[in-house]
Protein backbone atom coordinates (compact mmCIF):
# COMPACT_ATOMS: atom_id res chain seq x y z
CA MET A 1 0.00 0.00 0.00
CA LYS A 2 1.18 3.53 -0.75
CA ILE A 3 0.60 6.07 2.05
CA ILE A 4 0.99 9.85 1.94
CA ASP A 5 2.31 11.79 4.92
CA HIS A 6 -0.87 13.86 5.08
CA SER A 7 0.04 15.82 8.20
CA ILE A 8 3.47 17.33 7.48
CA SER A 9 5.63 16.55 4.44
CA LYS A 10 3.02 15.31 1.88
CA GLU A 11 5.64 12.76 0.73
CA GLU A 12 4.64 9.24 -0.30
CA PHE A 13 5.84 6.07 1.43
CA ASN A 14 5.18 2.34 1.03
CA LEU A 15 4.00 -0.21 3.55
CA LYS A 16 5.70 -3.56 3.12
CA THR A 17 5.81 -6.85 4.99
CA CYS A 18 9.21 -7.65 6.47
CA SER A 19 10.57 -10.96 5.18
CA VAL A 20 12.29 -11.63 8.53
CA CYS A 21 9.87 -10.56 11.26
CA HIS A 22 6.71 -10.68 9.10
CA PHE A 23 5.11 -7.48 10.29
CA LEU A 24 4.31 -4.29 8.43
CA ILE A 25 7.03 -1.67 8.02
CA THR A 26 7.34 1.77 6.44
CA ASN A 27 9.58 1.90 3.39
CA PRO A 28 11.69 3.85 2.62
CA ARG A 29 12.56 4.68 6.19
CA PRO A 30 14.19 8.05 6.81
CA THR A 31 17.65 7.86 8.35
CA GLU A 32 17.88 8.87 12.01
CA LYS A 33 19.68 12.03 10.86
CA PHE A 34 16.60 13.23 8.96
CA LEU A 35 13.79 11.54 10.89
CA GLY A 36 13.46 14.50 13.27
CA HIS A 37 12.42 16.79 10.41
CA TYR A 38 9.13 14.88 10.12
CA TYR A 39 8.16 15.96 13.65
CA GLU A 40 8.73 19.66 13.11
CA SER A 41 5.16 20.90 13.13
CA GLU A 42 2.97 22.72 15.61
CA ASP A 43 0.22 20.27 14.63
CA TYR A 44 2.14 17.36 16.20
CA ILE A 45 0.05 17.43 19.37
CA SER A 46 2.00 15.07 21.65
CA HIS A 47 5.01 17.39 21.34
CA SER A 48 3.49 20.84 20.99
CA GLY A 49 0.33 20.50 23.08
CA THR A 50 -1.48 22.67 20.52
CA LYS A 51 -5.19 23.39 21.03
CA LYS A 52 -5.81 24.79 17.54
CA GLY A 53 -8.68 23.28 15.58
CA LEU A 54 -11.69 21.22 16.59
CA ILE A 55 -9.86 17.86 16.73
CA ASN A 56 -7.10 19.15 19.02
CA LYS A 57 -9.63 20.89 21.28
CA LEU A 58 -11.57 17.65 21.66
CA TYR A 59 -8.30 15.80 22.31
CA HIS A 60 -7.61 18.02 25.32
CA GLN A 61 -11.19 17.71 26.55
CA VAL A 62 -10.87 13.94 26.97
CA GLN A 63 -7.18 13.84 27.90
CA LYS A 64 -7.66 13.78 31.68
CA PHE A 65 -10.13 10.91 31.48
CA ASN A 66 -7.83 9.09 29.05
CA LEU A 67 -4.86 9.47 31.41
CA LYS A 68 -6.88 7.80 34.15
CA LEU A 69 -7.82 4.93 31.82
CA LYS A 70 -4.14 4.44 30.99
CA PHE A 71 -3.18 4.41 34.66
CA ASP A 72 -5.98 2.05 35.69
CA SER A 73 -5.10 -0.42 32.92
CA PHE A 74 -1.87 -1.59 34.60
CA ALA A 75 -1.28 0.12 37.97
CA LYS A 76 -2.43 -2.88 40.01
CA TYR A 77 0.47 -4.96 38.63
CA VAL A 78 3.28 -2.53 39.52
CA PRO A 79 5.57 -3.41 42.46
CA ARG A 80 6.86 -0.71 44.80
CA GLY A 81 9.38 1.70 43.26
CA THR A 82 9.96 4.50 40.75
CA TRP A 83 8.01 4.69 37.50
CA MET A 84 9.42 5.92 34.18
CA ASP A 85 7.69 7.24 31.05
CA TYR A 86 9.84 6.74 27.95
CA GLY A 87 9.00 9.04 25.03
CA ALA A 88 7.22 11.32 27.47
CA GLY A 89 6.32 14.00 24.91
CA ASN A 90 5.23 17.17 26.67
CA GLY A 91 4.85 15.37 30.01
CA ALA A 92 1.09 14.90 30.40
CA PHE A 93 1.33 11.37 31.84
CA LEU A 94 4.17 12.33 34.18
CA ASP A 95 2.09 15.22 35.47
CA PHE A 96 -0.77 12.80 36.13
CA LEU A 97 1.52 10.40 38.03
CA LYS A 98 2.82 13.24 40.19
CA SER A 99 -0.78 14.14 41.06
CA LYS A 100 -1.01 10.56 42.43
CA ASN A 101 2.18 11.15 44.48
CA ILE A 102 4.02 8.51 42.45
CA LEU A 103 7.77 8.96 42.18
CA CYS A 104 8.46 9.13 38.44
CA GLU A 105 10.93 10.18 35.77
CA GLY A 106 10.62 10.86 32.06
CA TYR A 107 12.79 10.76 28.95
CA GLU A 108 12.08 12.30 25.54
CA PRO A 109 14.34 12.72 22.47
CA ASP A 110 12.63 15.84 21.10
CA SER A 111 14.02 19.07 22.58
CA SER A 112 10.95 21.15 21.68
CA ALA A 113 8.67 18.72 23.53
CA ARG A 114 10.96 18.91 26.57
CA SER A 115 10.78 22.71 26.39
CA VAL A 116 6.97 22.62 26.38
CA ALA A 117 7.09 20.37 29.45
CA ALA A 118 9.55 22.71 31.19
CA GLN A 119 7.15 25.63 30.64
CA ASN A 120 4.63 23.62 32.69
CA ALA A 121 7.23 22.85 35.40
CA ILE A 122 7.61 19.22 34.27
CA LYS A 123 11.22 18.04 34.09
CA ILE A 124 11.96 15.60 31.29
CA GLN A 125 15.45 14.38 30.42
CA ASP A 126 16.97 13.70 27.02
CA SER A 127 16.45 10.04 26.12
CA LYS A 128 20.18 9.78 25.30
CA GLN A 129 20.84 9.98 29.04
CA TYR A 130 18.63 6.95 29.61
CA GLU A 131 20.16 4.95 26.80
CA SER A 132 23.67 5.47 28.20
CA GLY A 133 22.81 4.90 31.88
CA THR A 134 21.76 2.12 34.24
CA TYR A 135 18.60 2.46 36.34
CA LYS A 136 16.04 0.35 38.20
CA TYR A 137 12.35 1.00 37.71
CA ALA A 138 9.21 -0.71 38.93
CA ALA A 139 7.29 0.33 35.81
CA ILE A 140 8.14 1.69 32.37
CA THR A 141 5.49 3.07 30.02
CA MET A 142 5.60 3.77 26.28
CA TRP A 143 2.45 5.53 25.07
CA HIS A 144 2.49 5.42 21.26
CA VAL A 145 6.28 5.40 21.22
CA LEU A 146 7.51 1.96 20.11
CA GLU A 147 6.26 2.47 16.54
CA HIS A 148 8.60 5.48 16.26
CA ILE A 149 11.85 3.77 17.33
CA PRO A 150 14.26 2.55 14.60
CA ASP A 151 15.84 -0.25 16.70
CA LEU A 152 12.93 -1.47 18.77
CA ASN A 153 14.70 -4.64 19.96
CA GLU A 154 17.51 -2.56 21.42
CA ILE A 155 15.21 -0.33 23.46
CA ILE A 156 13.12 -3.29 24.68
CA ARG A 157 16.29 -5.02 25.87
CA LYS A 158 17.34 -1.79 27.59
CA HIS A 159 13.99 -1.61 29.37
CA GLU A 160 14.25 -5.26 30.39
CA SER A 161 17.65 -4.66 32.00
CA ASN A 162 16.41 -1.50 33.76
CA LEU A 163 13.30 -3.06 35.29
CA VAL A 164 13.30 -4.79 38.66
CA ASP A 165 12.34 -8.46 38.64
CA HIS A 166 8.59 -8.65 37.92
CA GLY A 167 8.65 -4.99 36.88
CA ILE A 168 5.96 -3.88 34.43
CA LEU A 169 6.43 -2.64 30.86
CA THR A 170 3.28 -1.10 29.37
CA ILE A 171 3.14 -0.36 25.65
CA ALA A 172 0.37 1.28 23.62
CA VAL A 173 0.43 1.10 19.81
CA PRO A 174 -2.14 1.30 16.99
CA ASN A 175 -3.46 -1.94 15.49
CA HIS A 176 -3.75 -1.92 11.69
CA LYS A 177 -6.23 -4.81 11.77
CA SER A 178 -8.88 -2.61 13.44
CA TYR A 179 -12.13 -1.72 11.69
CA ASP A 180 -11.23 1.97 11.30
CA ALA A 181 -7.92 0.98 9.65
CA GLU A 182 -9.84 -1.25 7.24
CA TYR A 183 -12.42 1.46 6.59
CA TYR A 184 -9.99 4.30 5.86
CA ASN A 185 -7.37 2.16 4.13
CA SER A 186 -4.51 4.41 2.90
CA PHE A 187 -6.08 7.45 4.61
CA TRP A 188 -5.97 5.84 8.07
CA ALA A 189 -4.29 8.50 10.20
CA ALA A 190 -2.59 5.98 12.52
CA TYR A 191 -0.30 4.83 9.74
CA ASP A 192 1.30 8.27 10.27
CA VAL A 193 4.21 7.64 7.91
CA PRO A 194 7.14 8.09 8.13
CA ARG A 195 7.03 8.80 11.87
CA HIS A 196 5.53 5.35 12.42
CA LEU A 197 8.22 2.96 11.23
CA TRP A 198 6.44 -0.21 12.40
CA HIS A 199 2.76 -1.19 12.24
CA PHE A 200 1.68 -3.83 14.76
CA THR A 201 -0.90 -6.48 15.42
CA GLU A 202 -1.28 -8.04 18.88
CA ASN A 203 0.64 -11.13 17.72
CA ASP A 204 3.52 -8.92 16.53
CA ILE A 205 3.91 -7.00 19.77
CA CYS A 206 3.58 -10.08 21.97
CA SER A 207 6.06 -12.05 19.90
CA ILE A 208 8.80 -9.44 20.10
CA LEU A 209 8.31 -8.93 23.84
CA ARG A 210 8.41 -12.66 24.58
CA LYS A 211 11.70 -12.91 22.71
CA ASN A 212 13.11 -10.20 24.96
CA GLY A 213 12.27 -11.67 28.35
CA PHE A 214 8.67 -10.60 29.05
CA GLU A 215 5.38 -12.35 29.73
CA HIS A 216 2.09 -10.91 28.49
CA LEU A 217 -0.31 -10.12 31.33
CA GLY A 218 -3.17 -8.57 29.40
CA THR A 219 -4.49 -6.27 26.69
CA LYS A 220 -6.73 -3.24 27.24
CA PRO A 221 -8.48 -0.94 24.73
CA MET A 222 -7.74 2.74 24.20
CA ILE A 223 -11.36 3.59 23.47
CA PHE A 224 -10.84 7.24 22.57
CA ASP A 225 -8.18 6.58 19.93
CA SER A 226 -10.65 5.33 17.33
CA TYR A 227 -12.52 8.66 17.50
CA TYR A 228 -9.38 10.78 17.28
CA VAL A 229 -7.82 8.73 14.48
CA SER A 230 -11.08 8.55 12.51
CA MET A 231 -11.64 12.29 12.76
CA LEU A 232 -8.09 12.91 11.52
CA SER A 233 -8.68 10.44 8.70
CA GLU A 234 -11.81 12.34 7.65
CA LYS A 235 -9.76 15.54 7.67
CA TYR A 236 -7.22 13.93 5.35
CA LYS A 237 -10.07 12.98 3.00
CA ASN A 238 -11.36 16.58 3.10
CA ARG A 239 -14.66 15.50 4.62
CA ASN A 240 -16.61 16.55 7.72
CA VAL A 241 -14.43 15.53 10.68
CA LEU A 242 -17.49 14.90 12.86
CA ARG A 243 -18.30 11.95 10.60
CA GLY A 244 -15.17 10.38 12.08
CA ALA A 245 -16.85 10.26 15.49
CA LEU A 246 -19.45 7.88 14.03
CA ILE A 247 -16.80 5.65 12.43
CA GLY A 248 -14.86 5.66 15.70
CA ALA A 249 -17.95 4.47 17.55
CA VAL A 250 -18.58 1.75 14.95
CA SER A 251 -14.94 0.63 15.25
CA ASN A 252 -15.25 0.28 19.04
CA LEU A 253 -18.54 -1.61 18.67
CA LYS A 254 -17.04 -4.04 16.16
CA ALA A 255 -14.06 -4.57 18.48
CA ARG A 256 -16.49 -5.61 21.23
CA THR A 257 -18.78 -7.76 19.10
CA SER A 258 -17.17 -8.85 15.83
CA GLY A 259 -13.63 -9.98 16.56
CA TYR A 260 -11.80 -6.86 15.40
CA PRO A 261 -9.07 -5.43 17.64
CA PHE A 262 -9.47 -1.88 18.94
CA SER A 263 -7.91 0.96 16.96
CA SER A 264 -5.16 1.22 19.58
CA GLN A 265 -4.48 -1.20 22.41
CA ILE A 266 -2.49 -1.22 25.64
CA TYR A 267 -0.31 -4.28 26.19
CA ILE A 268 0.86 -5.04 29.73
CA PHE A 269 4.01 -7.12 30.15
CA ARG A 270 5.91 -8.35 33.19
CA LYS A 271 9.63 -8.89 33.26
CA LYS A 272 10.44 -12.50 34.01
CA LYS A 273 12.42 -13.03 37.17
CA HIS A 274 16.09 -13.75 36.56
CA LEU A 275 17.14 -17.03 38.13
CA LYS A 276 20.39 -16.82 40.04
CA GLY A 277 23.08 -19.37 39.28
CA PRO A 278 24.64 -21.71 41.85
């Protein structure tokens, strides 16, 4: 399938199935040197926090409720200790954790996103510091981050080494087998090429985590994502964005009744305990 970067560059990219790992990848993939250019837009909401336009205003209206849903999806599994949000964007989830009096840290590669967080008194460190250091966390979260990372095996292994035994890794990614993905086809906003380098199914994400020392505890829906993604998809098709709210609702209904996955899903993994040698 050919996909246009509707939101920023208007360039065309291909989706292809990897002959090694068998899941969907963006091709050609920008080099790491140039990948950052595809994030340089005020419309990139997770970095800028923009409230311009109907879709972004609605996004902020439901954000607080969505943050609680994220937290409730996995908090009961987390052992005592510090939490870490990797790819923290402008710090919304960290701010929520602090409101719960949870000791937490955040890392983000984009300097402009870190600046937005700093303006709201949220300290986020450069992800390079995390990648070069050794830490111990009770929980690590990645909210729509893994699909952006060129070497996903490397960062998963890093997380595994930095979690305590039985620590929790929580990952949210879109699922291209959802009804809204099928409905919008090449206009599905969650393909988000070339920022999304990988496009997952539940089997894909569970397979790669099992290979890197994790057990799958459960999967939870991100019920608001289908609305947001569908409204963006309608915008890309130059149609009434409110029509996307209906498609988002249909997508959630089909996920509950017809065997489709949800538009985006939260996957909760536990690090397997390392057995000590004799």
